[in-house]
C-alpha atoms as a PDB file:
ATOM      1  CA  MET A   1      26.174 -18.803  48.615  1.00  0.00           C
ATOM      2  CA  GLY A   2      22.587 -17.923  49.350  1.00  0.00           C
ATOM      3  CA  SER A   3      19.886 -18.047  46.693  1.00  0.00           C
ATOM      4  CA  LYS A   4      19.691 -15.000  44.457  1.00  0.00           C
ATOM      5  CA  HIS A   5      16.535 -12.971  44.054  1.00  0.00           C
ATOM      6  CA  HIS A   6      16.645 -10.361  41.344  1.00  0.00           C
ATOM      7  CA  SER A   7      13.979  -7.839  40.490  1.00  0.00           C
ATOM      8  CA  LEU A   8      13.305  -7.380  36.753  1.00  0.00           C
ATOM      9  CA  SER A   9      14.978  -3.954  36.834  1.00  0.00           C
ATOM     10  CA  GLU A  10      18.147  -5.579  38.197  1.00  0.00           C
ATOM     11  CA  LEU A  11      18.147  -8.143  35.390  1.00  0.00           C
ATOM     12  CA  VAL A  12      17.755  -5.554  32.617  1.00  0.00           C
ATOM     13  CA  PRO A  13      21.101  -3.883  31.837  1.00  0.00           C
ATOM     14  CA  THR A  14      21.151  -0.092  31.973  1.00  0.00           C
ATOM     15  CA  LEU A  15      23.144   2.557  30.152  1.00  0.00           C
ATOM     16  CA  ALA A  16      25.285   2.873  33.312  1.00  0.00           C
ATOM     17  CA  ASP A  17      26.007  -0.891  33.218  1.00  0.00           C
ATOM     18  CA  VAL A  18      27.252  -0.592  29.625  1.00  0.00           C
ATOM     19  CA  ALA A  19      29.412   2.417  30.579  1.00  0.00           C
ATOM     20  CA  ARG A  20      30.971   0.519  33.512  1.00  0.00           C
ATOM     21  CA  PHE A  21      31.570  -2.587  31.396  1.00  0.00           C
ATOM     22  CA  ALA A  22      33.219  -0.566  28.596  1.00  0.00           C
ATOM     23  CA  GLY A  23      35.118   1.702  30.971  1.00  0.00           C
ATOM     24  CA  VAL A  24      33.667   4.914  29.517  1.00  0.00           C
ATOM     25  CA  SER A  25      31.188   7.578  30.620  1.00  0.00           C
ATOM     26  CA  THR A  26      27.432   7.236  30.152  1.00  0.00           C
ATOM     27  CA  ALA A  27      27.598  10.288  27.859  1.00  0.00           C
ATOM     28  CA  THR A  28      30.005   8.414  25.564  1.00  0.00           C
ATOM     29  CA  VAL A  29      27.688   5.383  25.455  1.00  0.00           C
ATOM     30  CA  SER A  30      24.758   7.651  24.596  1.00  0.00           C
ATOM     31  CA  ARG A  31      26.768   9.365  21.864  1.00  0.00           C
ATOM     32  CA  CYS A  32      27.835   5.991  20.470  1.00  0.00           C
ATOM     33  CA  LEU A  33      24.215   4.908  20.108  1.00  0.00           C
ATOM     34  CA  ASN A  34      22.753   8.192  18.858  1.00  0.00           C
ATOM     35  CA  ALA A  35      25.593   9.823  16.918  1.00  0.00           C
ATOM     36  CA  PRO A  36      28.223   7.107  16.293  1.00  0.00           C
ATOM     37  CA  GLU A  37      30.079   9.239  13.744  1.00  0.00           C
ATOM     38  CA  GLN A  38      31.113  11.560  16.606  1.00  0.00           C
ATOM     39  CA  VAL A  39      32.938   8.780  18.475  1.00  0.00           C
ATOM     40  CA  GLN A  40      36.352   7.299  17.657  1.00  0.00           C
ATOM     41  CA  LYS A  41      36.208   3.808  16.157  1.00  0.00           C
ATOM     42  CA  LYS A  42      38.200   2.198  18.982  1.00  0.00           C
ATOM     43  CA  THR A  43      35.840   3.591  21.631  1.00  0.00           C
ATOM     44  CA  ARG A  44      32.802   2.791  19.496  1.00  0.00           C
ATOM     45  CA  ASP A  45      33.867  -0.841  19.078  1.00  0.00           C
ATOM     46  CA  LYS A  46      34.432  -1.161  22.832  1.00  0.00           C
ATOM     47  CA  VAL A  47      30.960   0.240  23.612  1.00  0.00           C
ATOM     48  CA  LEU A  48      29.193  -1.881  20.976  1.00  0.00           C
ATOM     49  CA  ALA A  49      30.958  -4.986  22.313  1.00  0.00           C
ATOM     50  CA  ALA A  50      29.646  -4.110  25.800  1.00  0.00           C
ATOM     51  CA  VAL A  51      26.137  -3.577  24.399  1.00  0.00           C
ATOM     52  CA  ALA A  52      26.241  -6.995  22.723  1.00  0.00           C
ATOM     53  CA  GLU A  53      27.761  -8.744  25.774  1.00  0.00           C
ATOM     54  CA  LEU A  54      25.201  -7.339  28.232  1.00  0.00           C
ATOM     55  CA  GLY A  55      22.235  -7.532  25.837  1.00  0.00           C
ATOM     56  CA  TYR A  56      21.491  -3.855  26.406  1.00  0.00           C
ATOM     57  CA  SER A  57      18.444  -2.412  24.640  1.00  0.00           C
ATOM     58  CA  PRO A  58      17.906   1.371  24.609  1.00  0.00           C
ATOM     59  CA  ASN A  59      14.872   2.469  26.571  1.00  0.00           C
ATOM     60  CA  PHE A  60      12.750   3.743  23.717  1.00  0.00           C
ATOM     61  CA  SER A  61       9.920   4.827  26.020  1.00  0.00           C
ATOM     62  CA  ALA A  62      12.314   7.159  27.835  1.00  0.00           C
ATOM     63  CA  GLN A  63      13.689   8.423  24.520  1.00  0.00           C
ATOM     64  CA  SER A  64      10.215   9.056  23.180  1.00  0.00           C
ATOM     65  CA  LEU A  65       9.243  11.020  26.282  1.00  0.00           C
ATOM     66  CA  ALA A  66      12.231  13.267  25.728  1.00  0.00           C
ATOM     67  CA  ALA A  67      11.625  13.614  21.975  1.00  0.00           C
ATOM     68  CA  LYS A  68       7.810  13.529  22.260  1.00  0.00           C
ATOM     69  CA  ARG A  69       8.041  10.798  19.621  1.00  0.00           C
ATOM     70  CA  THR A  70       7.724   7.035  19.680  1.00  0.00           C
ATOM     71  CA  ASN A  71       9.461   6.492  16.327  1.00  0.00           C
ATOM     72  CA  THR A  72       6.558   4.316  15.238  1.00  0.00           C
ATOM     73  CA  ILE A  73       4.465   4.812  12.115  1.00  0.00           C
ATOM     74  CA  GLY A  74       1.083   3.179  11.625  1.00  0.00           C
ATOM     75  CA  ALA A  75      -0.157   1.936   8.264  1.00  0.00           C
ATOM     76  CA  ILE A  76      -3.676   0.682   7.627  1.00  0.00           C
ATOM     77  CA  ILE A  77      -4.143  -1.296   4.432  1.00  0.00           C
ATOM     78  CA  PRO A  78      -7.454  -2.662   3.168  1.00  0.00           C
ATOM     79  CA  THR A  79      -6.337  -6.303   3.002  1.00  0.00           C
ATOM     80  CA  MET A  80      -3.486  -8.728   3.611  1.00  0.00           C
ATOM     81  CA  ASP A  81      -5.264 -11.479   1.662  1.00  0.00           C
ATOM     82  CA  ASN A  82      -3.284 -10.908  -1.533  1.00  0.00           C
ATOM     83  CA  ALA A  83      -0.126  -9.183  -2.700  1.00  0.00           C
ATOM     84  CA  ILE A  84      -1.647  -5.866  -3.862  1.00  0.00           C
ATOM     85  CA  PHE A  85      -0.041  -3.842  -1.062  1.00  0.00           C
ATOM     86  CA  ALA A  86       2.917  -6.092  -0.232  1.00  0.00           C
ATOM     87  CA  ARG A  87       5.662  -4.565  -2.391  1.00  0.00           C
ATOM     88  CA  GLY A  88       4.760  -0.976  -1.517  1.00  0.00           C
ATOM     89  CA  LEU A  89       4.524  -1.765   2.183  1.00  0.00           C
ATOM     90  CA  GLN A  90       7.882  -3.555   2.135  1.00  0.00           C
ATOM     91  CA  ALA A  91       9.414  -0.378   0.676  1.00  0.00           C
ATOM     92  CA  VAL A  92       7.706   1.726   3.377  1.00  0.00           C
ATOM     93  CA  GLN A  93       9.168  -0.479   6.103  1.00  0.00           C
ATOM     94  CA  GLU A  94      12.676  -0.400   4.614  1.00  0.00           C
ATOM     95  CA  GLU A  95      12.625   3.385   4.214  1.00  0.00           C
ATOM     96  CA  LEU A  96      11.389   3.906   7.794  1.00  0.00           C
ATOM     97  CA  GLY A  97      14.029   1.465   9.031  1.00  0.00           C
ATOM     98  CA  ARG A  98      16.700   3.735   7.575  1.00  0.00           C
ATOM     99  CA  VAL A  99      15.654   6.497  10.000  1.00  0.00           C
ATOM    100  CA  GLY A 100      15.184   4.137  12.948  1.00  0.00           C
ATOM    101  CA  ALA A 101      11.376   4.074  12.850  1.00  0.00           C
ATOM    102  CA  THR A 102       9.175   1.002  13.292  1.00  0.00           C
ATOM    103  CA  LEU A 103       6.133   0.224  11.143  1.00  0.00           C
ATOM    104  CA  LEU A 104       2.904  -1.067  12.710  1.00  0.00           C
ATOM    105  CA  VAL A 105       0.434  -2.483  10.170  1.00  0.00           C
ATOM    106  CA  ALA A 106      -3.297  -3.101  10.494  1.00  0.00           C
ATOM    107  CA  SER A 107      -5.770  -4.441   7.909  1.00  0.00           C
ATOM    108  CA  SER A 108      -9.263  -2.979   7.685  1.00  0.00           C
ATOM    109  CA  SER A 109     -10.891  -5.614   5.418  1.00  0.00           C
ATOM    110  CA  TYR A 110     -12.211  -2.722   3.261  1.00  0.00           C
ATOM    111  CA  ARG A 111     -14.459  -1.701   6.199  1.00  0.00           C
ATOM    112  CA  ARG A 112     -14.695   2.010   6.953  1.00  0.00           C
ATOM    113  CA  ASP A 113     -15.853   1.464  10.565  1.00  0.00           C
ATOM    114  CA  LEU A 114     -13.008  -0.954  11.312  1.00  0.00           C
ATOM    115  CA  GLU A 115     -10.456   1.415   9.779  1.00  0.00           C
ATOM    116  CA  ALA A 116     -11.729   4.251  12.001  1.00  0.00           C
ATOM    117  CA  ASP A 117     -11.267   2.033  15.093  1.00  0.00           C
ATOM    118  CA  GLN A 118      -7.770   1.072  13.949  1.00  0.00           C
ATOM    119  CA  ILE A 119      -6.812   4.713  13.389  1.00  0.00           C
ATOM    120  CA  ARG A 120      -7.822   5.506  16.969  1.00  0.00           C
ATOM    121  CA  ALA A 121      -5.983   2.451  18.310  1.00  0.00           C
ATOM    122  CA  LEU A 122      -2.740   3.333  16.512  1.00  0.00           C
ATOM    123  CA  VAL A 123      -2.939   6.944  17.709  1.00  0.00           C
ATOM    124  CA  ALA A 124      -3.587   5.691  21.273  1.00  0.00           C
ATOM    125  CA  ARG A 125      -0.435   3.561  20.987  1.00  0.00           C
ATOM    126  CA  GLY A 126       1.504   6.710  20.199  1.00  0.00           C
ATOM    127  CA  ALA A 127       1.962   6.404  16.426  1.00  0.00           C
ATOM    128  CA  ASP A 128       3.852   9.495  15.241  1.00  0.00           C
ATOM    129  CA  GLY A 129       2.141   9.436  11.843  1.00  0.00           C
ATOM    130  CA  LEU A 130      -0.222   7.345   9.719  1.00  0.00           C
ATOM    131  CA  LEU A 131      -0.084   6.001   6.174  1.00  0.00           C
ATOM    132  CA  LEU A 132      -3.607   5.471   4.834  1.00  0.00           C
ATOM    133  CA  ILE A 133      -4.834   4.028   1.537  1.00  0.00           C
ATOM    134  CA  GLY A 134      -7.167   6.238  -0.486  1.00  0.00           C
ATOM    135  CA  HIS A 135      -9.091   9.296   0.686  1.00  0.00           C
ATOM    136  CA  ASP A 136     -12.525   7.776   1.440  1.00  0.00           C
ATOM    137  CA  ARG A 137     -13.274   8.147   5.151  1.00  0.00           C
ATOM    138  CA  ASP A 138     -15.604  10.146   7.396  1.00  0.00           C
ATOM    139  CA  ALA A 139     -14.780  13.810   8.017  1.00  0.00           C
ATOM    140  CA  GLU A 140     -14.959  13.050  11.756  1.00  0.00           C
ATOM    141  CA  VAL A 141     -11.921  10.752  11.432  1.00  0.00           C
ATOM    142  CA  TYR A 142      -9.887  13.531   9.810  1.00  0.00           C
ATOM    143  CA  ALA A 143     -11.074  15.946  12.518  1.00  0.00           C
ATOM    144  CA  PHE A 144      -9.859  13.508  15.197  1.00  0.00           C
ATOM    145  CA  LEU A 145      -6.435  13.252  13.522  1.00  0.00           C
ATOM    146  CA  ASP A 146      -6.201  17.039  13.254  1.00  0.00           C
ATOM    147  CA  ARG A 147      -7.082  17.455  16.949  1.00  0.00           C
ATOM    148  CA  ARG A 148      -4.379  14.977  17.890  1.00  0.00           C
ATOM    149  CA  GLN A 149      -1.975  16.617  15.422  1.00  0.00           C
ATOM    150  CA  VAL A 150      -1.063  13.281  13.837  1.00  0.00           C
ATOM    151  CA  PRO A 151       0.497  13.685  10.370  1.00  0.00           C
ATOM    152  CA  VAL A 152      -1.179  11.636   7.622  1.00  0.00           C
ATOM    153  CA  VAL A 153      -0.087  10.671   4.126  1.00  0.00           C
ATOM    154  CA  VAL A 154      -2.531   9.006   1.737  1.00  0.00           C
ATOM    155  CA  SER A 155      -1.153   6.596  -0.855  1.00  0.00           C
ATOM    156  CA  TRP A 156      -2.317   4.402  -3.746  1.00  0.00           C
ATOM    157  CA  ALA A 157      -4.243   7.476  -4.874  1.00  0.00           C
ATOM    158  CA  TYR A 158      -3.477  11.014  -5.966  1.00  0.00           C
ATOM    159  CA  ASP A 159      -5.894  13.874  -5.477  1.00  0.00           C
ATOM    160  CA  PRO A 160      -4.424  17.254  -4.480  1.00  0.00           C
ATOM    161  CA  THR A 161      -7.916  18.655  -3.805  1.00  0.00           C
ATOM    162  CA  GLN A 162      -8.322  16.381  -0.751  1.00  0.00           C
ATOM    163  CA  PRO A 163      -7.494  17.571   2.799  1.00  0.00           C
ATOM    164  CA  LYS A 164      -4.511  15.232   3.284  1.00  0.00           C
ATOM    165  CA  PRO A 165      -1.412  15.045   1.063  1.00  0.00           C
ATOM    166  CA  SER A 166      -1.314  12.060  -1.288  1.00  0.00           C
ATOM    167  CA  ILE A 167       1.717  10.284  -2.703  1.00  0.00           C
ATOM    168  CA  GLY A 168       0.380   8.088  -5.449  1.00  0.00           C
ATOM    169  CA  PHE A 169      -1.135   7.826  -8.879  1.00  0.00           C
ATOM    170  CA  ASP A 170      -4.275   8.994 -10.656  1.00  0.00           C
ATOM    171  CA  ASN A 171      -6.482   5.887 -10.704  1.00  0.00           C
ATOM    172  CA  ARG A 172      -8.925   7.382 -13.227  1.00  0.00           C
ATOM    173  CA  LYS A 173      -6.210   8.445 -15.667  1.00  0.00           C
ATOM    174  CA  ALA A 174      -4.397   5.091 -15.341  1.00  0.00           C
ATOM    175  CA  MET A 175      -7.511   3.032 -16.091  1.00  0.00           C
ATOM    176  CA  ARG A 176      -8.642   5.401 -18.851  1.00  0.00           C
ATOM    177  CA  ALA A 177      -5.348   4.642 -20.638  1.00  0.00           C
ATOM    178  CA  MET A 178      -6.009   0.893 -20.386  1.00  0.00           C
ATOM    179  CA  ALA A 179      -9.604   1.237 -21.588  1.00  0.00           C
ATOM    180  CA  LYS A 180      -8.441   3.371 -24.533  1.00  0.00           C
ATOM    181  CA  GLU A 181      -6.012   0.594 -25.472  1.00  0.00           C
ATOM    182  CA  VAL A 182      -8.826  -1.969 -25.326  1.00  0.00           C
ATOM    183  CA  LEU A 183     -11.031   0.226 -27.514  1.00  0.00           C
ATOM    184  CA  ALA A 184      -8.161   0.882 -29.932  1.00  0.00           C
ATOM    185  CA  LYS A 185      -8.001  -2.882 -30.536  1.00  0.00           C
ATOM    186  CA  GLY A 186     -11.559  -2.691 -31.850  1.00  0.00           C
ATOM    187  CA  HIS A 187     -13.533  -3.881 -28.834  1.00  0.00           C
ATOM    188  CA  ARG A 188     -17.004  -2.396 -28.462  1.00  0.00           C
ATOM    189  CA  ARG A 189     -18.686  -4.907 -26.141  1.00  0.00           C
ATOM    190  CA  ILE A 190     -16.810  -4.233 -22.902  1.00  0.00           C
ATOM    191  CA  ALA A 191     -17.602  -5.334 -19.347  1.00  0.00           C
ATOM    192  CA  ALA A 192     -15.821  -4.645 -16.058  1.00  0.00           C
ATOM    193  CA  ILE A 193     -15.200  -6.427 -12.756  1.00  0.00           C
ATOM    194  CA  SER A 194     -14.626  -4.111  -9.802  1.00  0.00           C
ATOM    195  CA  ALA A 195     -14.447  -3.978  -6.049  1.00  0.00           C
ATOM    196  CA  ARG A 196     -17.394  -2.342  -4.308  1.00  0.00           C
ATOM    197  CA  GLN A 197     -17.173   1.331  -5.285  1.00  0.00           C
ATOM    198  CA  SER A 198     -19.163   2.960  -2.471  1.00  0.00           C
ATOM    199  CA  ASP A 199     -16.304   3.093   0.106  1.00  0.00           C
ATOM    200  CA  ASN A 200     -13.351   2.733  -2.248  1.00  0.00           C
ATOM    201  CA  ASP A 201     -12.232   5.794  -4.176  1.00  0.00           C
ATOM    202  CA  ARG A 202      -9.600   3.784  -6.090  1.00  0.00           C
ATOM    203  CA  ALA A 203     -12.224   1.364  -7.453  1.00  0.00           C
ATOM    204  CA  ARG A 204     -14.639   4.219  -8.190  1.00  0.00           C
ATOM    205  CA  GLU A 205     -12.036   6.241 -10.066  1.00  0.00           C
ATOM    206  CA  ARG A 206     -10.919   3.234 -12.112  1.00  0.00           C
ATOM    207  CA  MET A 207     -14.456   2.570 -13.316  1.00  0.00           C
ATOM    208  CA  ALA A 208     -14.870   6.297 -14.064  1.00  0.00           C
ATOM    209  CA  GLY A 209     -11.737   6.007 -16.227  1.00  0.00           C
ATOM    210  CA  VAL A 210     -13.288   3.179 -18.261  1.00  0.00           C
ATOM    211  CA  ARG A 211     -16.453   5.224 -18.790  1.00  0.00           C
ATOM    212  CA  GLU A 212     -14.477   8.307 -19.842  1.00  0.00           C
ATOM    213  CA  ALA A 213     -12.637   6.280 -22.491  1.00  0.00           C
ATOM    214  CA  MET A 214     -15.946   4.879 -23.764  1.00  0.00           C
ATOM    215  CA  THR A 215     -17.455   8.363 -24.026  1.00  0.00           C
ATOM    216  CA  GLU A 216     -14.384   9.614 -25.911  1.00  0.00           C
ATOM    217  CA  ALA A 217     -14.806   6.690 -28.346  1.00  0.00           C
ATOM    218  CA  GLY A 218     -18.443   7.621 -28.954  1.00  0.00           C
ATOM    219  CA  LEU A 219     -19.912   4.763 -26.912  1.00  0.00           C
ATOM    220  CA  ASP A 220     -22.681   5.048 -24.322  1.00  0.00           C
ATOM    221  CA  ALA A 221     -20.815   4.752 -21.010  1.00  0.00           C
ATOM    222  CA  SER A 222     -24.053   3.956 -19.164  1.00  0.00           C
ATOM    223  CA  ASP A 223     -24.106   0.655 -21.090  1.00  0.00           C
ATOM    224  CA  LEU A 224     -20.968  -0.609 -19.296  1.00  0.00           C
ATOM    225  CA  PRO A 225     -21.856  -3.733 -17.292  1.00  0.00           C
ATOM    226  CA  VAL A 226     -19.930  -3.613 -13.989  1.00  0.00           C
ATOM    227  CA  PHE A 227     -19.887  -6.627 -11.693  1.00  0.00           C
ATOM    228  CA  GLU A 228     -18.896  -5.595  -8.149  1.00  0.00           C
ATOM    229  CA  THR A 229     -17.318  -8.249  -5.965  1.00  0.00           C
ATOM    230  CA  GLN A 230     -14.569  -8.970  -3.425  1.00  0.00           C
ATOM    231  CA  TYR A 231     -10.887  -8.811  -4.350  1.00  0.00           C
ATOM    232  CA  THR A 232     -10.218 -12.564  -4.532  1.00  0.00           C
ATOM    233  CA  ILE A 233      -9.339 -14.920  -7.381  1.00  0.00           C
ATOM    234  CA  GLU A 234     -12.506 -16.956  -6.740  1.00  0.00           C
ATOM    235  CA  ALA A 235     -14.732 -13.863  -6.778  1.00  0.00           C
ATOM    236  CA  GLY A 236     -13.115 -12.662  -9.999  1.00  0.00           C
ATOM    237  CA  GLY A 237     -13.816 -16.010 -11.606  1.00  0.00           C
ATOM    238  CA  ALA A 238     -17.458 -16.058 -10.519  1.00  0.00           C
ATOM    239  CA  ALA A 239     -17.952 -12.486 -11.776  1.00  0.00           C
ATOM    240  CA  PHE A 240     -16.399 -13.339 -15.141  1.00  0.00           C
ATOM    241  CA  ALA A 241     -18.617 -16.424 -15.546  1.00  0.00           C
ATOM    242  CA  ALA A 242     -21.698 -14.317 -14.755  1.00  0.00           C
ATOM    243  CA  LEU A 243     -20.722 -11.599 -17.257  1.00  0.00           C
ATOM    244  CA  MET A 244     -20.105 -14.132 -20.034  1.00  0.00           C
ATOM    245  CA  THR A 245     -23.676 -15.449 -19.782  1.00  0.00           C
ATOM    246  CA  SER A 246     -25.055 -12.094 -20.990  1.00  0.00           C
ATOM    247  CA  THR A 247     -26.181 -11.824 -24.631  1.00  0.00           C
ATOM    248  CA  PRO A 248     -24.239 -10.729 -26.513  1.00  0.00           C
ATOM    249  CA  ALA A 249     -21.243 -11.649 -24.352  1.00  0.00           C
ATOM    250  CA  PRO A 250     -18.469  -9.071 -23.924  1.00  0.00           C
ATOM    251  CA  THR A 251     -15.355  -9.428 -26.098  1.00  0.00           C
ATOM    252  CA  ALA A 252     -13.194  -7.754 -23.428  1.00  0.00           C
ATOM    253  CA  VAL A 253     -13.382  -7.771 -19.635  1.00  0.00           C
ATOM    254  CA  ILE A 254     -11.517  -4.974 -17.824  1.00  0.00           C
ATOM    255  CA  CYS A 255     -10.696  -5.924 -14.231  1.00  0.00           C
ATOM    256  CA  GLY A 256     -10.145  -3.500 -11.363  1.00  0.00           C
ATOM    257  CA  ASN A 257      -7.006  -5.336 -10.273  1.00  0.00           C
ATOM    258  CA  ASP A 258      -4.770  -8.288 -11.125  1.00  0.00           C
ATOM    259  CA  VAL A 259      -6.316 -10.607  -8.538  1.00  0.00           C
ATOM    260  CA  LEU A 260      -9.737 -10.274 -10.199  1.00  0.00           C
ATOM    261  CA  ALA A 261      -8.138 -10.624 -13.640  1.00  0.00           C
ATOM    262  CA  VAL A 262      -6.351 -13.855 -12.688  1.00  0.00           C
ATOM    263  CA  GLY A 263      -9.685 -15.190 -11.436  1.00  0.00           C
ATOM    264  CA  ALA A 264     -11.296 -14.203 -14.736  1.00  0.00           C
ATOM    265  CA  LEU A 265      -8.488 -15.857 -16.692  1.00  0.00           C
ATOM    266  CA  LYS A 266      -8.865 -19.068 -14.730  1.00  0.00           C
ATOM    267  CA  ALA A 267     -12.641 -19.058 -15.235  1.00  0.00           C
ATOM    268  CA  ALA A 268     -12.231 -18.460 -18.972  1.00  0.00           C
ATOM    269  CA  GLN A 269     -10.076 -21.565 -19.239  1.00  0.00           C
ATOM    270  CA  THR A 270     -12.604 -23.573 -17.209  1.00  0.00           C
ATOM    271  CA  LEU A 271     -15.354 -22.390 -19.587  1.00  0.00           C
ATOM    272  CA  GLY A 272     -13.281 -23.476 -22.590  1.00  0.00           C
ATOM    273  CA  LEU A 273     -12.666 -19.908 -23.796  1.00  0.00           C
ATOM    274  CA  LYS A 274      -9.323 -19.026 -25.343  1.00  0.00           C
ATOM    275  CA  VAL A 275      -7.699 -15.788 -24.133  1.00  0.00           C
ATOM    276  CA  PRO A 276      -7.256 -13.476 -26.020  1.00  0.00           C
ATOM    277  CA  GLN A 277      -8.758 -15.177 -29.109  1.00  0.00           C
ATOM    278  CA  ASP A 278     -12.295 -15.548 -27.675  1.00  0.00           C
ATOM    279  CA  VAL A 279     -12.163 -12.850 -25.006  1.00  0.00           C
ATOM    280  CA  SER A 280      -9.569 -10.311 -23.847  1.00  0.00           C
ATOM    281  CA  ILE A 281      -8.891  -9.758 -20.132  1.00  0.00           C
ATOM    282  CA  THR A 282      -6.935  -6.909 -18.531  1.00  0.00           C
ATOM    283  CA  GLY A 283      -5.786  -6.270 -14.964  1.00  0.00           C
ATOM    284  CA  PHE A 284      -4.461  -3.416 -12.845  1.00  0.00           C
ATOM    285  CA  ASP A 285      -1.412  -3.233 -10.476  1.00  0.00           C
ATOM    286  CA  ASP A 286       1.191  -5.422 -12.211  1.00  0.00           C
ATOM    287  CA  ILE A 287       1.837  -7.535  -9.141  1.00  0.00           C
ATOM    288  CA  GLU A 288       4.106 -10.558  -9.580  1.00  0.00           C
ATOM    289  CA  LEU A 289       1.106 -12.828 -10.100  1.00  0.00           C
ATOM    290  CA  SER A 290       0.398 -11.128 -13.446  1.00  0.00           C
ATOM    291  CA  THR A 291       3.704 -12.321 -14.926  1.00  0.00           C
ATOM    292  CA  VAL A 292       3.261 -16.022 -14.126  1.00  0.00           C
ATOM    293  CA  THR A 293      -0.184 -16.599 -15.632  1.00  0.00           C
ATOM    294  CA  THR A 294      -0.616 -18.352 -18.976  1.00  0.00           C
ATOM    295  CA  PRO A 295      -1.051 -16.279 -21.027  1.00  0.00           C
ATOM    296  CA  ALA A 296       0.770 -13.453 -19.214  1.00  0.00           C
ATOM    297  CA  LEU A 297      -1.584 -10.680 -18.119  1.00  0.00           C
ATOM    298  CA  THR A 298      -1.895  -7.281 -19.794  1.00  0.00           C
ATOM    299  CA  THR A 299      -2.195  -4.802 -16.938  1.00  0.00           C
ATOM    300  CA  VAL A 300      -1.455  -1.326 -15.602  1.00  0.00           C
ATOM    301  CA  HIS A 301       1.971  -1.085 -13.993  1.00  0.00           C
ATOM    302  CA  VAL A 302       1.877   0.727 -10.643  1.00  0.00           C
ATOM    303  CA  PRO A 303       5.254   1.894  -9.243  1.00  0.00           C
ATOM    304  CA  HIS A 304       4.681   0.227  -5.874  1.00  0.00           C
ATOM    305  CA  ARG A 305       8.259   0.402  -4.573  1.00  0.00           C
ATOM    306  CA  GLU A 306       8.837   4.005  -5.556  1.00  0.00           C
ATOM    307  CA  MET A 307       5.459   4.966  -4.108  1.00  0.00           C
ATOM    308  CA  GLY A 308       6.256   3.233  -0.800  1.00  0.00           C
ATOM    309  CA  VAL A 309       9.667   4.896  -0.489  1.00  0.00           C
ATOM    310  CA  LEU A 310       8.355   8.373  -1.290  1.00  0.00           C
ATOM    311  CA  ALA A 311       5.278   8.022   0.945  1.00  0.00           C
ATOM    312  CA  ALA A 312       7.433   6.892   3.895  1.00  0.00           C
ATOM    313  CA  ARG A 313       9.920   9.685   3.288  1.00  0.00           C
ATOM    314  CA  ALA A 314       7.203  12.343   3.062  1.00  0.00           C
ATOM    315  CA  LEU A 315       5.457  11.085   6.206  1.00  0.00           C
ATOM    316  CA  TRP A 316       8.697  11.036   8.214  1.00  0.00           C
ATOM    317  CA  GLN A 317       9.505  14.588   7.083  1.00  0.00           C
ATOM    318  CA  MET A 318       6.063  15.644   8.355  1.00  0.00           C
ATOM    319  CA  VAL A 319       6.658  13.841  11.676  1.00  0.00           C
ATOM    320  CA  THR A 320      10.010  15.558  12.170  1.00  0.00           C
ATOM    321  CA  GLY A 321       8.619  18.936  11.133  1.00  0.00           C
ATOM    322  CA  GLU A 322      10.736  19.275   7.987  1.00  0.00           C
ATOM    323  CA  THR A 323       7.673  19.760   5.759  1.00  0.00           C
ATOM    324  CA  ASP A 324       3.915  20.195   6.061  1.00  0.00           C
ATOM    325  CA  GLY A 325       3.437  17.543   3.368  1.00  0.00           C
ATOM    326  CA  GLU A 326       2.896  18.029  -0.336  1.00  0.00           C
ATOM    327  CA  SER A 327       1.063  15.784  -2.777  1.00  0.00           C
ATOM    328  CA  LEU A 328       3.133  13.986  -5.381  1.00  0.00           C
ATOM    329  CA  HIS A 329       1.883  12.376  -8.601  1.00  0.00           C
ATOM    330  CA  LEU A 330       3.570   9.199  -9.858  1.00  0.00           C
ATOM    331  CA  ASP A 331       3.108   7.864 -13.372  1.00  0.00           C
ATOM    332  CA  THR A 332       1.662   4.464 -14.201  1.00  0.00           C
ATOM    333  CA  ARG A 333       2.181   2.761 -17.555  1.00  0.00           C
ATOM    334  CA  LEU A 334       0.517   0.069 -19.609  1.00  0.00           C
ATOM    335  CA  GLN A 335       2.167  -3.337 -19.352  1.00  0.00           C
ATOM    336  CA  LEU A 336       1.060  -4.976 -22.591  1.00  0.00           C
ATOM    337  CA  ARG A 337       1.465  -8.751 -22.478  1.00  0.00           C
ATOM    338  CA  ASP A 338      -0.663 -11.532 -23.969  1.00  0.00           C
ATOM    339  CA  THR A 339      -4.269 -11.306 -22.739  1.00  0.00           C
ATOM    340  CA  LEU A 340      -5.384  -8.395 -24.956  1.00  0.00           C
ATOM    341  CA  ALA A 341      -5.913  -8.655 -28.700  1.00  0.00           C
ATOM    342  CA  ALA A 342      -8.433  -7.539 -31.314  1.00  0.00           C
ATOM    343  CA  PRO A 343     -11.849  -9.244 -31.077  1.00  0.00           C
ATOM    344  CA  ALA A 344     -12.245 -12.330 -33.265  1.00  0.00           C
ATOM    345  CA  LEU A 345     -15.166 -10.841 -35.185  1.00  0.00           C
ATOM    346  CA  SER A 346     -15.797  -7.174 -35.883  1.00  0.00           C
ATOM    347  CA  THR A 347     -18.801  -6.028 -33.860  1.00  0.00           C
END
């Protein structure tokens, strides 16, 4: 026998190869893959055995040309450095997987310019729709998405007055509830640790919630010390240490998320402060990390899984033309554990 030279196209099995191998028509193979319930089990098993034997993979680029869809959804999250977005994103991926769509994820490092570049890159790659976090971005980016007719769902925030539908929660209302709980315990010297608020509507709304609760309690909200920093455990610890040097020191520190709160908790222990006896600390998100700290962290529970499922479902319905997209509000709740108590001395 002479040496064999195969082109790549000859090595890649086609739909016709599967049909020949299974002894059925190409139409039957196609039906088996796209509408298996319409094919008898015996035939279906024969075709699927041929698919497995030959290593056939459907030509998604050809399918997408026909459907004008790529069955890919892009998601841009602010960070992959911690678990804030992990559970919600896992739910998004699982829900999209149910309809045969693939999730492409990018991380913007909380940078508006980088996110804008990533949006363009995902659209250029043919993303059928985009899941974005929060509403803060330039109007020009939204105009670009409208021109390209790319459906968008915003999550981790809820604001029906914004141009794009949001599937999420009211950050201001959620944090106001936590601040009210802190104040109800008798705290009057409160401080906060937050992400940078200028390009982050979630962080901004959470701090607005704290101030609203203070105003309702008859306190001067402009007196609230807010330390802005990065969302890392180390940064949270450094911010907490800085806040505790003020005179008089706060009796409660409200943190913009659990990562900052865990950093604050760790710093408190390093400084020899007992939590909650000497100082109370609260978080936001109720990620798994908050349950394994000692003491366990009082925080705001965010329904990450439910939010991910509903956001994915809504976005896919927009992609397939079933709906134009409607905003949906999800409830948060206080998760009261062990890091919040009344201040040691009345102030």
